[in-house]
Amino acid sequence: MKNTTKLIATSIFAAIAASLCCITPLLVLFTGASSLATTFTWLEPIKPYLTILSIVVLLIAWYQKLQPQKQKNCNCDTSKKEPFIQTKLFLSFVTLFTLVIVSLPYTTPLFTSNPSKISSTTVLGQTVLFTIEGMTCEACTTHVNNQLSKLNGVIQYTTSFDSANSIIQFDPTKISTTEIQQAINTTGYTVISQKQQ
């Protein structure tokens, strides 16, 4: 029984570590610690291994939980109810939680609006390429794009995880590059350079 509890804890830890790229911007939003997102970028190369570890550990926990228990020939009190943390219901909750957390990097873009803003009218503006540090998956671009969509004066933007940048067209009479940089930095990712296009 103690082994199942340890397996559950390991699975939750591995799932959270594998999905820190999507959890961290939420923490940034609530805590205001904008440098927090780049703290966990070192986990990106091992993310697939953490995801596999989480799933394997859950499978082992389910195997142990579902295998028939050996009957003891003793006059033991079998009327004791097992603790909730050792029940199948609790393991089901943990499994669901783990699956949701592990799928965050892949499902976040599906549930967010305004993945990019494209103006239907032709407006002359200034275009700047912002190089962004700390984005670890495609879902990170959604966080940046959502922040850019709130800015008055931003005409069009395209954010790329692969290129680690965002190309932003804006009206310099309404917003400055400094304000755009600060808005991006509030997502937890850091603008490390900007270049006029």
C-alpha atoms as a PDB file:
ATOM      1  CA  MET A   1       0.000   0.000   0.000  1.00  0.00           C
ATOM      2  CA  LYS A   2       2.843   2.402   0.796  1.00  0.00           C
ATOM      3  CA  ASN A   3       4.377   1.599  -2.591  1.00  0.00           C
ATOM      4  CA  THR A   4       1.181   2.734  -4.351  1.00  0.00           C
ATOM      5  CA  THR A   5       1.292   6.060  -2.504  1.00  0.00           C
ATOM      6  CA  LYS A   6       4.932   6.565  -3.509  1.00  0.00           C
ATOM      7  CA  LEU A   7       4.094   5.693  -7.123  1.00  0.00           C
ATOM      8  CA  ILE A   8       1.236   8.203  -7.130  1.00  0.00           C
ATOM      9  CA  ALA A   9       3.501  10.944  -5.769  1.00  0.00           C
ATOM     10  CA  THR A  10       6.169  10.119  -8.367  1.00  0.00           C
ATOM     11  CA  SER A  11       3.615  10.225 -11.178  1.00  0.00           C
ATOM     12  CA  ILE A  12       2.259  13.617 -10.104  1.00  0.00           C
ATOM     13  CA  PHE A  13       5.766  15.046  -9.742  1.00  0.00           C
ATOM     14  CA  ALA A  14       6.843  13.793 -13.178  1.00  0.00           C
ATOM     15  CA  ALA A  15       3.660  15.103 -14.839  1.00  0.00           C
ATOM     16  CA  ILE A  16       4.057  18.551 -13.301  1.00  0.00           C
ATOM     17  CA  ALA A  17       7.751  18.688 -14.236  1.00  0.00           C
ATOM     18  CA  ALA A  18       6.907  17.694 -17.822  1.00  0.00           C
ATOM     19  CA  SER A  19       4.328  20.466 -18.106  1.00  0.00           C
ATOM     20  CA  LEU A  20       6.078  23.319 -16.326  1.00  0.00           C
ATOM     21  CA  CYS A  21       6.245  25.256 -19.587  1.00  0.00           C
ATOM     22  CA  CYS A  22       2.479  25.697 -19.492  1.00  0.00           C
ATOM     23  CA  ILE A  23       2.015  25.881 -15.739  1.00  0.00           C
ATOM     24  CA  THR A  24       4.685  28.549 -15.226  1.00  0.00           C
ATOM     25  CA  PRO A  25       2.921  31.330 -17.198  1.00  0.00           C
ATOM     26  CA  LEU A  26      -0.150  30.747 -15.040  1.00  0.00           C
ATOM     27  CA  LEU A  27       2.000  31.110 -11.934  1.00  0.00           C
ATOM     28  CA  VAL A  28       3.491  34.283 -13.410  1.00  0.00           C
ATOM     29  CA  LEU A  29       0.001  35.651 -13.916  1.00  0.00           C
ATOM     30  CA  PHE A  30      -0.949  35.050 -10.287  1.00  0.00           C
ATOM     31  CA  THR A  31       2.372  35.808  -8.582  1.00  0.00           C
ATOM     32  CA  GLY A  32       3.860  38.466 -10.842  1.00  0.00           C
ATOM     33  CA  ALA A  33       7.281  36.797 -10.908  1.00  0.00           C
ATOM     34  CA  SER A  34       8.048  37.325 -14.592  1.00  0.00           C
ATOM     35  CA  SER A  35      11.483  35.670 -14.535  1.00  0.00           C
ATOM     36  CA  LEU A  36       9.925  32.433 -13.294  1.00  0.00           C
ATOM     37  CA  ALA A  37       9.135  31.069 -16.780  1.00  0.00           C
ATOM     38  CA  THR A  38      12.751  30.969 -17.893  1.00  0.00           C
ATOM     39  CA  THR A  39      13.785  29.165 -14.699  1.00  0.00           C
ATOM     40  CA  PHE A  40      12.460  25.822 -15.924  1.00  0.00           C
ATOM     41  CA  THR A  41      13.612  25.905 -19.556  1.00  0.00           C
ATOM     42  CA  TRP A  42      16.332  23.368 -18.739  1.00  0.00           C
ATOM     43  CA  LEU A  43      13.572  20.737 -18.342  1.00  0.00           C
ATOM     44  CA  GLU A  44      12.506  20.995 -22.003  1.00  0.00           C
ATOM     45  CA  PRO A  45      14.985  18.360 -23.352  1.00  0.00           C
ATOM     46  CA  ILE A  46      13.835  15.776 -20.788  1.00  0.00           C
ATOM     47  CA  LYS A  47      10.109  16.538 -21.106  1.00  0.00           C
ATOM     48  CA  PRO A  48       9.328  13.391 -23.181  1.00  0.00           C
ATOM     49  CA  TYR A  49      11.120  11.208 -20.624  1.00  0.00           C
ATOM     50  CA  LEU A  50       9.213  12.789 -17.722  1.00  0.00           C
ATOM     51  CA  THR A  51       5.941  12.234 -19.558  1.00  0.00           C
ATOM     52  CA  ILE A  52       6.797   8.567 -20.189  1.00  0.00           C
ATOM     53  CA  LEU A  53       7.922   8.150 -16.559  1.00  0.00           C
ATOM     54  CA  SER A  54       4.633   9.596 -15.332  1.00  0.00           C
ATOM     55  CA  ILE A  55       2.568   7.236 -17.482  1.00  0.00           C
ATOM     56  CA  VAL A  56       4.664   4.150 -16.642  1.00  0.00           C
ATOM     57  CA  VAL A  57       4.459   4.884 -12.924  1.00  0.00           C
ATOM     58  CA  LEU A  58       0.671   5.247 -13.161  1.00  0.00           C
ATOM     59  CA  LEU A  59       0.433   1.928 -15.002  1.00  0.00           C
ATOM     60  CA  ILE A  60       2.457   0.235 -12.266  1.00  0.00           C
ATOM     61  CA  ALA A  61       0.243   1.803  -9.582  1.00  0.00           C
ATOM     62  CA  TRP A  62      -2.898   0.560 -11.360  1.00  0.00           C
ATOM     63  CA  TYR A  63      -1.375  -2.907 -11.785  1.00  0.00           C
ATOM     64  CA  GLN A  64      -0.601  -3.092  -8.072  1.00  0.00           C
ATOM     65  CA  LYS A  65      -4.048  -1.810  -7.162  1.00  0.00           C
ATOM     66  CA  LEU A  66      -5.947  -4.211  -9.422  1.00  0.00           C
ATOM     67  CA  GLN A  67      -4.007  -7.408  -8.766  1.00  0.00           C
ATOM     68  CA  PRO A  68      -5.757  -9.827  -6.389  1.00  0.00           C
ATOM     69  CA  GLN A  69      -4.697  -9.499  -2.777  1.00  0.00           C
ATOM     70  CA  LYS A  70      -3.364 -12.581  -0.999  1.00  0.00           C
ATOM     71  CA  GLN A  71      -5.657 -13.800   1.758  1.00  0.00           C
ATOM     72  CA  LYS A  72      -4.006 -14.158   5.142  1.00  0.00           C
ATOM     73  CA  ASN A  73      -5.028 -17.004   7.399  1.00  0.00           C
ATOM     74  CA  CYS A  74      -5.250 -15.164  10.650  1.00  0.00           C
ATOM     75  CA  ASN A  75      -7.793 -13.782  13.018  1.00  0.00           C
ATOM     76  CA  CYS A  76      -7.064 -10.239  11.840  1.00  0.00           C
ATOM     77  CA  ASP A  77      -9.626  -7.482  11.946  1.00  0.00           C
ATOM     78  CA  THR A  78     -10.561  -7.040   8.263  1.00  0.00           C
ATOM     79  CA  SER A  79     -13.291  -4.511   8.945  1.00  0.00           C
ATOM     80  CA  LYS A  80     -10.858  -1.578   8.832  1.00  0.00           C
ATOM     81  CA  LYS A  81     -11.551   0.741   5.970  1.00  0.00           C
ATOM     82  CA  GLU A  82      -8.562   1.597   3.812  1.00  0.00           C
ATOM     83  CA  PRO A  83      -7.489   5.257   3.778  1.00  0.00           C
ATOM     84  CA  PHE A  84      -8.854   7.348   0.872  1.00  0.00           C
ATOM     85  CA  ILE A  85      -5.341   7.926  -0.452  1.00  0.00           C
ATOM     86  CA  GLN A  86      -5.059   4.186  -1.086  1.00  0.00           C
ATOM     87  CA  THR A  87      -8.407   3.724  -2.860  1.00  0.00           C
ATOM     88  CA  LYS A  88      -9.122   3.191  -6.545  1.00  0.00           C
ATOM     89  CA  LEU A  89     -11.133   6.413  -6.533  1.00  0.00           C
ATOM     90  CA  PHE A  90      -8.131   8.432  -5.420  1.00  0.00           C
ATOM     91  CA  LEU A  91      -5.942   6.700  -8.016  1.00  0.00           C
ATOM     92  CA  SER A  92      -8.573   7.579 -10.646  1.00  0.00           C
ATOM     93  CA  PHE A  93      -8.400  11.262  -9.629  1.00  0.00           C
ATOM     94  CA  VAL A  94      -4.613  11.184  -9.816  1.00  0.00           C
ATOM     95  CA  THR A  95      -4.739   9.529 -13.238  1.00  0.00           C
ATOM     96  CA  LEU A  96      -7.127  12.172 -14.559  1.00  0.00           C
ATOM     97  CA  PHE A  97      -5.053  15.000 -13.053  1.00  0.00           C
ATOM     98  CA  THR A  98      -1.867  13.565 -14.567  1.00  0.00           C
ATOM     99  CA  LEU A  99      -3.407  13.205 -18.011  1.00  0.00           C
ATOM    100  CA  VAL A 100      -4.668  16.796 -17.937  1.00  0.00           C
ATOM    101  CA  ILE A 101      -1.302  18.158 -16.793  1.00  0.00           C
ATOM    102  CA  VAL A 102       0.686  16.111 -19.320  1.00  0.00           C
ATOM    103  CA  SER A 103      -1.609  17.186 -22.173  1.00  0.00           C
ATOM    104  CA  LEU A 104      -1.410  20.932 -21.369  1.00  0.00           C
ATOM    105  CA  PRO A 105       1.427  21.732 -23.796  1.00  0.00           C
ATOM    106  CA  TYR A 106      -0.514  20.109 -26.616  1.00  0.00           C
ATOM    107  CA  THR A 107      -4.031  21.322 -25.829  1.00  0.00           C
ATOM    108  CA  THR A 108      -3.487  24.915 -24.665  1.00  0.00           C
ATOM    109  CA  PRO A 109      -3.493  26.360 -28.214  1.00  0.00           C
ATOM    110  CA  LEU A 110      -6.839  24.648 -28.908  1.00  0.00           C
ATOM    111  CA  PHE A 111      -8.651  26.486 -26.109  1.00  0.00           C
ATOM    112  CA  THR A 112      -7.288  29.985 -26.493  1.00  0.00           C
ATOM    113  CA  SER A 113      -8.542  32.669 -28.786  1.00  0.00           C
ATOM    114  CA  ASN A 114      -6.609  35.200 -30.858  1.00  0.00           C
ATOM    115  CA  PRO A 115      -3.588  33.039 -31.759  1.00  0.00           C
ATOM    116  CA  SER A 116      -2.489  35.908 -33.997  1.00  0.00           C
ATOM    117  CA  LYS A 117      -3.899  39.257 -34.865  1.00  0.00           C
ATOM    118  CA  ILE A 118      -4.208  40.189 -38.505  1.00  0.00           C
ATOM    119  CA  SER A 119      -5.601  43.569 -39.414  1.00  0.00           C
ATOM    120  CA  SER A 120      -8.258  43.639 -42.110  1.00  0.00           C
ATOM    121  CA  THR A 121      -7.336  47.196 -43.031  1.00  0.00           C
ATOM    122  CA  THR A 122      -4.038  48.350 -44.387  1.00  0.00           C
ATOM    123  CA  VAL A 123      -2.426  50.582 -41.786  1.00  0.00           C
ATOM    124  CA  LEU A 124       1.089  51.864 -42.084  1.00  0.00           C
ATOM    125  CA  GLY A 125       3.033  51.078 -38.990  1.00  0.00           C
ATOM    126  CA  GLN A 126       6.374  50.068 -37.675  1.00  0.00           C
ATOM    127  CA  THR A 127       7.472  46.422 -37.656  1.00  0.00           C
ATOM    128  CA  VAL A 128       9.906  45.084 -35.074  1.00  0.00           C
ATOM    129  CA  LEU A 129      11.234  41.564 -34.510  1.00  0.00           C
ATOM    130  CA  PHE A 130      11.441  40.754 -30.785  1.00  0.00           C
ATOM    131  CA  THR A 131      13.678  37.812 -29.846  1.00  0.00           C
ATOM    132  CA  ILE A 132      12.112  36.031 -26.871  1.00  0.00           C
ATOM    133  CA  GLU A 133      13.861  33.755 -24.390  1.00  0.00           C
ATOM    134  CA  GLY A 134      12.094  31.090 -22.351  1.00  0.00           C
ATOM    135  CA  MET A 135       9.473  29.703 -24.742  1.00  0.00           C
ATOM    136  CA  THR A 136       9.659  25.916 -24.509  1.00  0.00           C
ATOM    137  CA  CYS A 137       6.714  24.725 -26.613  1.00  0.00           C
ATOM    138  CA  GLU A 138       4.058  25.861 -29.082  1.00  0.00           C
ATOM    139  CA  ALA A 139       1.678  26.673 -26.230  1.00  0.00           C
ATOM    140  CA  CYS A 140       4.091  29.388 -25.074  1.00  0.00           C
ATOM    141  CA  THR A 141       3.356  31.375 -28.220  1.00  0.00           C
ATOM    142  CA  THR A 142      -0.300  31.432 -27.218  1.00  0.00           C
ATOM    143  CA  HIS A 143       0.569  33.140 -23.927  1.00  0.00           C
ATOM    144  CA  VAL A 144       2.564  35.801 -25.763  1.00  0.00           C
ATOM    145  CA  ASN A 145      -0.119  36.274 -28.434  1.00  0.00           C
ATOM    146  CA  ASN A 146      -2.864  36.654 -25.837  1.00  0.00           C
ATOM    147  CA  GLN A 147      -0.897  39.418 -24.157  1.00  0.00           C
ATOM    148  CA  LEU A 148      -0.223  41.161 -27.492  1.00  0.00           C
ATOM    149  CA  SER A 149      -3.922  41.021 -28.419  1.00  0.00           C
ATOM    150  CA  LYS A 150      -4.700  43.240 -25.410  1.00  0.00           C
ATOM    151  CA  LEU A 151      -2.407  46.066 -26.511  1.00  0.00           C
ATOM    152  CA  ASN A 152      -3.933  49.129 -28.139  1.00  0.00           C
ATOM    153  CA  GLY A 153      -1.818  50.070 -31.136  1.00  0.00           C
ATOM    154  CA  VAL A 154      -0.630  46.598 -32.060  1.00  0.00           C
ATOM    155  CA  ILE A 155      -1.805  45.974 -35.616  1.00  0.00           C
ATOM    156  CA  GLN A 156      -0.473  42.522 -36.419  1.00  0.00           C
ATOM    157  CA  TYR A 157       1.786  39.929 -34.831  1.00  0.00           C
ATOM    158  CA  THR A 158       3.190  36.508 -35.498  1.00  0.00           C
ATOM    159  CA  THR A 159       4.929  34.641 -32.691  1.00  0.00           C
ATOM    160  CA  SER A 160       7.065  31.578 -33.403  1.00  0.00           C
ATOM    161  CA  PHE A 161       8.316  29.040 -30.887  1.00  0.00           C
ATOM    162  CA  ASP A 162      10.744  27.529 -33.418  1.00  0.00           C
ATOM    163  CA  SER A 163      12.357  30.904 -34.169  1.00  0.00           C
ATOM    164  CA  ALA A 164      11.981  32.136 -30.567  1.00  0.00           C
ATOM    165  CA  ASN A 165      10.627  35.474 -31.727  1.00  0.00           C
ATOM    166  CA  SER A 166       7.604  37.609 -32.422  1.00  0.00           C
ATOM    167  CA  ILE A 167       7.257  39.894 -35.433  1.00  0.00           C
ATOM    168  CA  ILE A 168       4.998  42.746 -34.413  1.00  0.00           C
ATOM    169  CA  GLN A 169       3.556  45.517 -36.539  1.00  0.00           C
ATOM    170  CA  PHE A 170       2.282  48.446 -34.490  1.00  0.00           C
ATOM    171  CA  ASP A 171       1.290  52.097 -34.633  1.00  0.00           C
ATOM    172  CA  PRO A 172       4.151  54.035 -32.983  1.00  0.00           C
ATOM    173  CA  THR A 173       1.794  56.940 -32.221  1.00  0.00           C
ATOM    174  CA  LYS A 174      -0.216  54.656 -29.897  1.00  0.00           C
ATOM    175  CA  ILE A 175       2.367  52.324 -28.376  1.00  0.00           C
ATOM    176  CA  SER A 176       6.148  52.119 -28.049  1.00  0.00           C
ATOM    177  CA  THR A 177       8.533  49.187 -28.386  1.00  0.00           C
ATOM    178  CA  THR A 178       9.282  49.521 -24.661  1.00  0.00           C
ATOM    179  CA  GLU A 179       5.597  49.019 -23.808  1.00  0.00           C
ATOM    180  CA  ILE A 180       5.402  45.996 -26.114  1.00  0.00           C
ATOM    181  CA  GLN A 181       8.556  44.538 -24.548  1.00  0.00           C
ATOM    182  CA  GLN A 182       7.143  45.048 -21.041  1.00  0.00           C
ATOM    183  CA  ALA A 183       3.887  43.346 -22.061  1.00  0.00           C
ATOM    184  CA  ILE A 184       5.781  40.322 -23.405  1.00  0.00           C
ATOM    185  CA  ASN A 185       7.930  40.185 -20.274  1.00  0.00           C
ATOM    186  CA  THR A 186       4.801  40.029 -18.075  1.00  0.00           C
ATOM    187  CA  THR A 187       4.009  36.614 -19.601  1.00  0.00           C
ATOM    188  CA  GLY A 188       7.093  35.161 -17.940  1.00  0.00           C
ATOM    189  CA  TYR A 189       9.208  35.066 -21.095  1.00  0.00           C
ATOM    190  CA  THR A 190      11.964  37.613 -21.653  1.00  0.00           C
ATOM    191  CA  VAL A 191      12.635  39.817 -24.652  1.00  0.00           C
ATOM    192  CA  ILE A 192      16.403  39.655 -25.141  1.00  0.00           C
ATOM    193  CA  SER A 193      16.649  41.794 -28.290  1.00  0.00           C
ATOM    194  CA  GLN A 194      14.637  43.730 -30.813  1.00  0.00           C
ATOM    195  CA  LYS A 195      15.340  44.588 -34.416  1.00  0.00           C
ATOM    196  CA  GLN A 196      13.488  46.943 -36.736  1.00  0.00           C
ATOM    197  CA  GLN A 197      12.216  45.227 -39.888  1.00  0.00           C
END
